[in-house]
Amino acid sequence: MAIPQNGPGEVLVGVRGGSEAYAAWSAAPVAKDVRVIVVDSVSARSVIVEPLPS
């Protein structure tokens, strides 16, 4: 799911050999299927992300 500026959106995060969905916020919009890096956690199921540098 795309993440609009100041979210929320959704990302899949690799956890314990699988993947889990987390609510995600970003300062800038992030298009669908763009790889991101988690830079902070807001709560147990919410994260702040940035696009992964090329």
PDB file of N, CA and C in Angstrom:
ATOM      1  N   MET A   1       0.851  -1.184   0.000  1.00  0.00           N
ATOM      2  CA  MET A   1       0.000   0.000   0.000  1.00  0.00           C
ATOM      3  C   MET A   1       0.892   1.242   0.000  1.00  0.00           C
ATOM      4  N   ALA A   2       0.581   2.228  -0.792  1.00  0.00           N
ATOM      5  CA  ALA A   2       1.342   3.480  -0.820  1.00  0.00           C
ATOM      6  C   ALA A   2       1.197   4.203   0.515  1.00  0.00           C
ATOM      7  N   ILE A   3       2.194   5.008   0.837  1.00  0.00           N
ATOM      8  CA  ILE A   3       2.162   5.786   2.073  1.00  0.00           C
ATOM      9  C   ILE A   3       2.062   7.261   1.679  1.00  0.00           C
ATOM     10  N   PRO A   4       0.953   7.924   2.001  1.00  0.00           N
ATOM     11  CA  PRO A   4       0.841   9.347   1.697  1.00  0.00           C
ATOM     12  C   PRO A   4       1.733  10.164   2.632  1.00  0.00           C
ATOM     13  N   GLN A   5       2.001  11.407   2.262  1.00  0.00           N
ATOM     14  CA  GLN A   5       2.799  12.271   3.139  1.00  0.00           C
ATOM     15  C   GLN A   5       2.130  12.318   4.501  1.00  0.00           C
ATOM     16  N   ASN A   6       2.898  12.075   5.541  1.00  0.00           N
ATOM     17  CA  ASN A   6       2.423  12.032   6.924  1.00  0.00           C
ATOM     18  C   ASN A   6       1.365  10.958   7.153  1.00  0.00           C
ATOM     19  N   GLY A   7       1.376   9.889   6.321  1.00  0.00           N
ATOM     20  CA  GLY A   7       0.651   8.636   6.437  1.00  0.00           C
ATOM     21  C   GLY A   7      -0.750   8.719   6.976  1.00  0.00           C
ATOM     22  N   PRO A   8      -1.337   7.626   7.331  1.00  0.00           N
ATOM     23  CA  PRO A   8      -0.707   6.314   7.432  1.00  0.00           C
ATOM     24  C   PRO A   8      -0.811   5.496   6.150  1.00  0.00           C
ATOM     25  N   GLY A   9       0.079   4.531   6.049  1.00  0.00           N
ATOM     26  CA  GLY A   9       0.052   3.533   4.999  1.00  0.00           C
ATOM     27  C   GLY A   9       0.361   2.201   5.656  1.00  0.00           C
ATOM     28  N   GLU A  10       0.843   1.256   4.878  1.00  0.00           N
ATOM     29  CA  GLU A  10       1.142  -0.059   5.437  1.00  0.00           C
ATOM     30  C   GLU A  10       2.391  -0.611   4.783  1.00  0.00           C
ATOM     31  N   VAL A  11       3.240  -1.262   5.589  1.00  0.00           N
ATOM     32  CA  VAL A  11       4.444  -1.912   5.078  1.00  0.00           C
ATOM     33  C   VAL A  11       4.505  -3.340   5.612  1.00  0.00           C
ATOM     34  N   LEU A  12       5.178  -4.200   4.872  1.00  0.00           N
ATOM     35  CA  LEU A  12       5.465  -5.546   5.341  1.00  0.00           C
ATOM     36  C   LEU A  12       6.897  -5.562   5.854  1.00  0.00           C
ATOM     37  N   VAL A  13       7.084  -6.058   7.072  1.00  0.00           N
ATOM     38  CA  VAL A  13       8.400  -6.090   7.717  1.00  0.00           C
ATOM     39  C   VAL A  13       8.771  -7.551   7.965  1.00  0.00           C
ATOM     40  N   GLY A  14      10.004  -7.897   7.591  1.00  0.00           N
ATOM     41  CA  GLY A  14      10.486  -9.253   7.848  1.00  0.00           C
ATOM     42  C   GLY A  14      10.671  -9.452   9.346  1.00  0.00           C
ATOM     43  N   VAL A  15       9.979 -10.472   9.891  1.00  0.00           N
ATOM     44  CA  VAL A  15      10.043 -10.760  11.321  1.00  0.00           C
ATOM     45  C   VAL A  15      10.090 -12.280  11.511  1.00  0.00           C
ATOM     46  N   ARG A  16      11.078 -12.768  12.230  1.00  0.00           N
ATOM     47  CA  ARG A  16      11.185 -14.187  12.593  1.00  0.00           C
ATOM     48  C   ARG A  16      10.981 -15.122  11.396  1.00  0.00           C
ATOM     49  N   GLY A  17      11.617 -14.839  10.287  1.00  0.00           N
ATOM     50  CA  GLY A  17      11.538 -15.707   9.123  1.00  0.00           C
ATOM     51  C   GLY A  17      10.281 -15.560   8.289  1.00  0.00           C
ATOM     52  N   GLY A  18       9.396 -14.645   8.641  1.00  0.00           N
ATOM     53  CA  GLY A  18       8.176 -14.387   7.881  1.00  0.00           C
ATOM     54  C   GLY A  18       8.042 -12.902   7.654  1.00  0.00           C
ATOM     55  N   SER A  19       6.834 -12.435   7.405  1.00  0.00           N
ATOM     56  CA  SER A  19       6.607 -10.999   7.275  1.00  0.00           C
ATOM     57  C   SER A  19       5.296 -10.640   7.958  1.00  0.00           C
ATOM     58  N   GLU A  20       5.276  -9.454   8.539  1.00  0.00           N
ATOM     59  CA  GLU A  20       4.096  -8.956   9.237  1.00  0.00           C
ATOM     60  C   GLU A  20       3.794  -7.543   8.768  1.00  0.00           C
ATOM     61  N   ALA A  21       2.508  -7.192   8.711  1.00  0.00           N
ATOM     62  CA  ALA A  21       2.078  -5.862   8.281  1.00  0.00           C
ATOM     63  C   ALA A  21       2.120  -4.894   9.452  1.00  0.00           C
ATOM     64  N   TYR A  22       2.621  -3.700   9.184  1.00  0.00           N
ATOM     65  CA  TYR A  22       2.693  -2.626  10.178  1.00  0.00           C
ATOM     66  C   TYR A  22       2.102  -1.357   9.569  1.00  0.00           C
ATOM     67  N   ALA A  23       1.446  -0.563  10.388  1.00  0.00           N
ATOM     68  CA  ALA A  23       1.033   0.777   9.958  1.00  0.00           C
ATOM     69  C   ALA A  23       2.315   1.592   9.807  1.00  0.00           C
ATOM     70  N   ALA A  24       2.380   2.438   8.775  1.00  0.00           N
ATOM     71  CA  ALA A  24       3.619   3.173   8.509  1.00  0.00           C
ATOM     72  C   ALA A  24       3.343   4.630   8.182  1.00  0.00           C
ATOM     73  N   TRP A  25       4.219   5.489   8.667  1.00  0.00           N
ATOM     74  CA  TRP A  25       4.185   6.911   8.382  1.00  0.00           C
ATOM     75  C   TRP A  25       5.521   7.308   7.772  1.00  0.00           C
ATOM     76  N   SER A  26       5.493   8.326   6.915  1.00  0.00           N
ATOM     77  CA  SER A  26       6.693   8.849   6.284  1.00  0.00           C
ATOM     78  C   SER A  26       6.528  10.349   6.096  1.00  0.00           C
ATOM     79  N   ALA A  27       7.626  11.095   6.221  1.00  0.00           N
ATOM     80  CA  ALA A  27       7.579  12.546   6.030  1.00  0.00           C
ATOM     81  C   ALA A  27       7.284  12.900   4.571  1.00  0.00           C
ATOM     82  N   ALA A  28       7.665  12.020   3.649  1.00  0.00           N
ATOM     83  CA  ALA A  28       7.417  12.237   2.216  1.00  0.00           C
ATOM     84  C   ALA A  28       6.600  11.063   1.694  1.00  0.00           C
ATOM     85  N   PRO A  29       5.796  11.265   0.660  1.00  0.00           N
ATOM     86  CA  PRO A  29       5.019  10.156   0.109  1.00  0.00           C
ATOM     87  C   PRO A  29       5.931   9.033  -0.395  1.00  0.00           C
ATOM     88  N   VAL A  30       5.482   7.800  -0.228  1.00  0.00           N
ATOM     89  CA  VAL A  30       6.218   6.635  -0.711  1.00  0.00           C
ATOM     90  C   VAL A  30       5.261   5.820  -1.579  1.00  0.00           C
ATOM     91  N   ALA A  31       5.666   5.561  -2.808  1.00  0.00           N
ATOM     92  CA  ALA A  31       4.821   4.815  -3.742  1.00  0.00           C
ATOM     93  C   ALA A  31       4.736   3.343  -3.351  1.00  0.00           C
ATOM     94  N   LYS A  32       3.715   2.682  -3.860  1.00  0.00           N
ATOM     95  CA  LYS A  32       3.534   1.250  -3.628  1.00  0.00           C
ATOM     96  C   LYS A  32       4.722   0.483  -4.209  1.00  0.00           C
ATOM     97  N   ASP A  33       5.127  -0.572  -3.555  1.00  0.00           N
ATOM     98  CA  ASP A  33       6.210  -1.472  -3.972  1.00  0.00           C
ATOM     99  C   ASP A  33       7.605  -0.855  -3.903  1.00  0.00           C
ATOM    100  N   VAL A  34       7.766   0.274  -3.223  1.00  0.00           N
ATOM    101  CA  VAL A  34       9.086   0.865  -3.007  1.00  0.00           C
ATOM    102  C   VAL A  34       9.650   0.290  -1.711  1.00  0.00           C
ATOM    103  N   ARG A  35      10.900  -0.154  -1.756  1.00  0.00           N
ATOM    104  CA  ARG A  35      11.529  -0.691  -0.537  1.00  0.00           C
ATOM    105  C   ARG A  35      11.828   0.457   0.413  1.00  0.00           C
ATOM    106  N   VAL A  36      11.587   0.216   1.698  1.00  0.00           N
ATOM    107  CA  VAL A  36      11.798   1.247   2.720  1.00  0.00           C
ATOM    108  C   VAL A  36      12.656   0.692   3.841  1.00  0.00           C
ATOM    109  N   ILE A  37      13.154   1.597   4.665  1.00  0.00           N
ATOM    110  CA  ILE A  37      13.886   1.237   5.864  1.00  0.00           C
ATOM    111  C   ILE A  37      13.117   1.807   7.057  1.00  0.00           C
ATOM    112  N   VAL A  38      12.978   1.014   8.096  1.00  0.00           N
ATOM    113  CA  VAL A  38      12.309   1.465   9.318  1.00  0.00           C
ATOM    114  C   VAL A  38      13.314   2.293  10.113  1.00  0.00           C
ATOM    115  N   VAL A  39      12.959   3.543  10.421  1.00  0.00           N
ATOM    116  CA  VAL A  39      13.862   4.427  11.152  1.00  0.00           C
ATOM    117  C   VAL A  39      13.437   4.640  12.600  1.00  0.00           C
ATOM    118  N   ASP A  40      12.186   4.290  12.935  1.00  0.00           N
ATOM    119  CA  ASP A  40      11.715   4.455  14.310  1.00  0.00           C
ATOM    120  C   ASP A  40      10.422   3.672  14.478  1.00  0.00           C
ATOM    121  N   SER A  41      10.096   3.363  15.719  1.00  0.00           N
ATOM    122  CA  SER A  41       8.804   2.727  15.987  1.00  0.00           C
ATOM    123  C   SER A  41       7.960   3.684  16.807  1.00  0.00           C
ATOM    124  N   VAL A  42       6.679   3.746  16.487  1.00  0.00           N
ATOM    125  CA  VAL A  42       5.737   4.618  17.173  1.00  0.00           C
ATOM    126  C   VAL A  42       5.032   3.826  18.270  1.00  0.00           C
ATOM    127  N   SER A  43       4.724   2.575  17.950  1.00  0.00           N
ATOM    128  CA  SER A  43       4.080   1.668  18.902  1.00  0.00           C
ATOM    129  C   SER A  43       4.447   0.247  18.488  1.00  0.00           C
ATOM    130  N   ALA A  44       3.812  -0.725  19.106  1.00  0.00           N
ATOM    131  CA  ALA A  44       4.120  -2.127  18.793  1.00  0.00           C
ATOM    132  C   ALA A  44       3.782  -2.492  17.353  1.00  0.00           C
ATOM    133  N   ARG A  45       2.851  -1.803  16.701  1.00  0.00           N
ATOM    134  CA  ARG A  45       2.435  -2.136  15.338  1.00  0.00           C
ATOM    135  C   ARG A  45       2.513  -0.951  14.377  1.00  0.00           C
ATOM    136  N   SER A  46       3.239   0.105  14.741  1.00  0.00           N
ATOM    137  CA  SER A  46       3.353   1.293  13.887  1.00  0.00           C
ATOM    138  C   SER A  46       4.815   1.725  13.802  1.00  0.00           C
ATOM    139  N   VAL A  47       5.233   2.085  12.580  1.00  0.00           N
ATOM    140  CA  VAL A  47       6.628   2.462  12.353  1.00  0.00           C
ATOM    141  C   VAL A  47       6.720   3.728  11.512  1.00  0.00           C
ATOM    142  N   ILE A  48       7.868   4.359  11.588  1.00  0.00           N
ATOM    143  CA  ILE A  48       8.210   5.481  10.709  1.00  0.00           C
ATOM    144  C   ILE A  48       9.246   4.961   9.735  1.00  0.00           C
ATOM    145  N   VAL A  49       9.046   5.247   8.444  1.00  0.00           N
ATOM    146  CA  VAL A  49       9.919   4.709   7.405  1.00  0.00           C
ATOM    147  C   VAL A  49      10.444   5.816   6.493  1.00  0.00           C
ATOM    148  N   GLU A  50      11.509   5.474   5.770  1.00  0.00           N
ATOM    149  CA  GLU A  50      12.043   6.318   4.703  1.00  0.00           C
ATOM    150  C   GLU A  50      12.332   5.396   3.525  1.00  0.00           C
ATOM    151  N   PRO A  51      12.249   5.916   2.297  1.00  0.00           N
ATOM    152  CA  PRO A  51      12.616   5.085   1.147  1.00  0.00           C
ATOM    153  C   PRO A  51      14.060   4.608   1.282  1.00  0.00           C
ATOM    154  N   LEU A  52      14.313   3.372   0.906  1.00  0.00           N
ATOM    155  CA  LEU A  52      15.664   2.807   0.949  1.00  0.00           C
ATOM    156  C   LEU A  52      16.518   3.512  -0.092  1.00  0.00           C
ATOM    157  N   PRO A  53      17.677   4.054   0.317  1.00  0.00           N
ATOM    158  CA  PRO A  53      18.552   4.720  -0.677  1.00  0.00           C
ATOM    159  C   PRO A  53      18.983   3.740  -1.775  1.00  0.00           C
ATOM    160  N   SER A  54      19.142   4.250  -2.986  1.00  0.00           N
ATOM    161  CA  SER A  54      19.535   3.394  -4.121  1.00  0.00           C
ATOM    162  C   SER A  54      20.974   2.963  -4.017  1.00  0.00           C
TER     163      SER A  54
END
